[in-house]
Amino acid sequence: MNKLTRVKKWLSGSSFTRLMEREKTNKYQIAKNSGVSYQTLLNWESGRCRPNDHSAKIVAAYLGLISNDDQIIELEREANEIKSKLARLK
């Protein structure tokens, strides 16, 4: 399981509620400071939807769950996947 998959689980349902309590923050503050909408965060917490990769990375970085190095590693992995797909198409 890669780090992003774990982070997305932390940002879902009751895990997200506990994480906000631990970090002494709330959905309003996260939305205001990360740019991810309050409604999106509410949906994550209620379990109506799960975080997508992009929003999860933004919120995780804001909360300090992933470092810049982690983000670089993940982006490099994604770039390699794209290169591989492009090579198969040629």
C-alpha atoms as a PDB file:
ATOM      1  CA  MET A   1       0.000   0.000   0.000  1.00  0.00           C
ATOM      2  CA  ASN A   2       1.532   3.304  -1.020  1.00  0.00           C
ATOM      3  CA  LYS A   3       1.531   6.343   1.207  1.00  0.00           C
ATOM      4  CA  LEU A   4      -1.199   8.145  -0.744  1.00  0.00           C
ATOM      5  CA  THR A   5      -3.565   5.196  -0.295  1.00  0.00           C
ATOM      6  CA  ARG A   6      -2.968   5.277   3.478  1.00  0.00           C
ATOM      7  CA  VAL A   7      -3.458   9.046   3.580  1.00  0.00           C
ATOM      8  CA  LYS A   8      -6.755   8.746   1.698  1.00  0.00           C
ATOM      9  CA  LYS A   9      -7.990   6.309   4.365  1.00  0.00           C
ATOM     10  CA  TRP A  10      -7.031   8.802   7.093  1.00  0.00           C
ATOM     11  CA  LEU A  11      -9.064  11.472   5.294  1.00  0.00           C
ATOM     12  CA  SER A  12     -12.236   9.370   5.229  1.00  0.00           C
ATOM     13  CA  GLY A  13     -15.041   8.891   7.732  1.00  0.00           C
ATOM     14  CA  SER A  14     -14.355   8.698  11.450  1.00  0.00           C
ATOM     15  CA  SER A  15     -10.589   8.573  10.805  1.00  0.00           C
ATOM     16  CA  PHE A  16     -10.844  12.088   9.372  1.00  0.00           C
ATOM     17  CA  THR A  17     -12.811  13.262  12.417  1.00  0.00           C
ATOM     18  CA  ARG A  18     -10.154  11.858  14.774  1.00  0.00           C
ATOM     19  CA  LEU A  19      -7.372  13.360  12.656  1.00  0.00           C
ATOM     20  CA  MET A  20      -8.941  16.828  12.848  1.00  0.00           C
ATOM     21  CA  GLU A  21      -9.318  16.477  16.618  1.00  0.00           C
ATOM     22  CA  ARG A  22      -5.687  15.382  16.947  1.00  0.00           C
ATOM     23  CA  GLU A  23      -4.493  18.289  14.802  1.00  0.00           C
ATOM     24  CA  LYS A  24      -6.811  20.723  16.644  1.00  0.00           C
ATOM     25  CA  THR A  25      -8.438  21.923  13.454  1.00  0.00           C
ATOM     26  CA  ASN A  26     -11.778  21.650  11.681  1.00  0.00           C
ATOM     27  CA  LYS A  27     -13.232  21.413   8.200  1.00  0.00           C
ATOM     28  CA  TYR A  28     -13.727  25.168   7.978  1.00  0.00           C
ATOM     29  CA  GLN A  29     -10.059  25.911   8.689  1.00  0.00           C
ATOM     30  CA  ILE A  30      -8.855  23.195   6.339  1.00  0.00           C
ATOM     31  CA  ALA A  31     -11.130  24.462   3.556  1.00  0.00           C
ATOM     32  CA  LYS A  32     -10.102  28.058   4.097  1.00  0.00           C
ATOM     33  CA  ASN A  33      -6.369  27.310   4.098  1.00  0.00           C
ATOM     34  CA  SER A  34      -6.132  24.486   1.562  1.00  0.00           C
ATOM     35  CA  GLY A  35      -8.617  25.579  -1.092  1.00  0.00           C
ATOM     36  CA  VAL A  36     -10.511  22.274  -0.924  1.00  0.00           C
ATOM     37  CA  SER A  37     -14.207  23.052  -0.466  1.00  0.00           C
ATOM     38  CA  TYR A  38     -15.943  22.650   2.871  1.00  0.00           C
ATOM     39  CA  GLN A  39     -18.609  20.501   1.177  1.00  0.00           C
ATOM     40  CA  THR A  40     -15.931  18.140  -0.131  1.00  0.00           C
ATOM     41  CA  LEU A  41     -14.463  17.769   3.356  1.00  0.00           C
ATOM     42  CA  LEU A  42     -17.951  17.212   4.777  1.00  0.00           C
ATOM     43  CA  ASN A  43     -18.537  14.463   2.208  1.00  0.00           C
ATOM     44  CA  TRP A  44     -15.248  12.782   3.155  1.00  0.00           C
ATOM     45  CA  GLU A  45     -16.103  12.861   6.831  1.00  0.00           C
ATOM     46  CA  SER A  46     -19.647  11.578   6.328  1.00  0.00           C
ATOM     47  CA  GLY A  47     -18.440   8.820   4.004  1.00  0.00           C
ATOM     48  CA  ARG A  48     -20.539  10.059   1.054  1.00  0.00           C
ATOM     49  CA  CYS A  49     -17.406  10.089  -1.064  1.00  0.00           C
ATOM     50  CA  ARG A  50     -13.731   9.299  -0.780  1.00  0.00           C
ATOM     51  CA  PRO A  51     -10.906  11.730  -1.438  1.00  0.00           C
ATOM     52  CA  ASN A  52      -9.508  11.859  -4.949  1.00  0.00           C
ATOM     53  CA  ASP A  53      -5.728  11.869  -5.351  1.00  0.00           C
ATOM     54  CA  HIS A  54      -5.395  15.586  -6.043  1.00  0.00           C
ATOM     55  CA  SER A  55      -7.504  16.846  -3.128  1.00  0.00           C
ATOM     56  CA  ALA A  56      -6.054  14.239  -0.775  1.00  0.00           C
ATOM     57  CA  LYS A  57      -2.532  15.444  -1.563  1.00  0.00           C
ATOM     58  CA  ILE A  58      -3.489  19.070  -0.937  1.00  0.00           C
ATOM     59  CA  VAL A  59      -5.164  18.375   2.413  1.00  0.00           C
ATOM     60  CA  ALA A  60      -2.481  15.903   3.487  1.00  0.00           C
ATOM     61  CA  ALA A  61       0.243  18.449   2.762  1.00  0.00           C
ATOM     62  CA  TYR A  62      -1.694  21.127   4.663  1.00  0.00           C
ATOM     63  CA  LEU A  63      -2.044  18.807   7.669  1.00  0.00           C
ATOM     64  CA  GLY A  64       1.600  17.771   7.483  1.00  0.00           C
ATOM     65  CA  LEU A  65       0.797  14.139   6.688  1.00  0.00           C
ATOM     66  CA  ILE A  66       3.060  14.106   3.664  1.00  0.00           C
ATOM     67  CA  SER A  67       6.250  16.010   3.040  1.00  0.00           C
ATOM     68  CA  ASN A  68       7.446  17.675  -0.130  1.00  0.00           C
ATOM     69  CA  ASP A  69       9.736  14.665  -0.652  1.00  0.00           C
ATOM     70  CA  ASP A  70       6.725  12.345  -0.483  1.00  0.00           C
ATOM     71  CA  GLN A  71       4.906  14.500  -3.021  1.00  0.00           C
ATOM     72  CA  ILE A  72       7.919  14.451  -5.346  1.00  0.00           C
ATOM     73  CA  ILE A  73       8.182  10.658  -5.095  1.00  0.00           C
ATOM     74  CA  GLU A  74       4.473  10.266  -5.839  1.00  0.00           C
ATOM     75  CA  LEU A  75       4.636  12.653  -8.813  1.00  0.00           C
ATOM     76  CA  GLU A  76       7.662  10.815 -10.203  1.00  0.00           C
ATOM     77  CA  ARG A  77       5.791   7.507  -9.868  1.00  0.00           C
ATOM     78  CA  GLU A  78       2.804   8.983 -11.716  1.00  0.00           C
ATOM     79  CA  ALA A  79       5.095  10.395 -14.420  1.00  0.00           C
ATOM     80  CA  ASN A  80       6.692   6.973 -14.921  1.00  0.00           C
ATOM     81  CA  GLU A  81       3.241   5.389 -15.268  1.00  0.00           C
ATOM     82  CA  ILE A  82       2.291   7.968 -17.896  1.00  0.00           C
ATOM     83  CA  LYS A  83       5.559   7.410 -19.790  1.00  0.00           C
ATOM     84  CA  SER A  84       4.921   3.679 -19.755  1.00  0.00           C
ATOM     85  CA  LYS A  85       1.390   4.135 -21.102  1.00  0.00           C
ATOM     86  CA  LEU A  86       2.655   6.464 -23.834  1.00  0.00           C
ATOM     87  CA  ALA A  87       5.314   3.967 -24.843  1.00  0.00           C
ATOM     88  CA  ARG A  88       2.686   1.225 -25.199  1.00  0.00           C
ATOM     89  CA  LEU A  89       0.574   3.473 -27.433  1.00  0.00           C
ATOM     90  CA  LYS A  90       3.421   4.153 -29.873  1.00  0.00           C
END
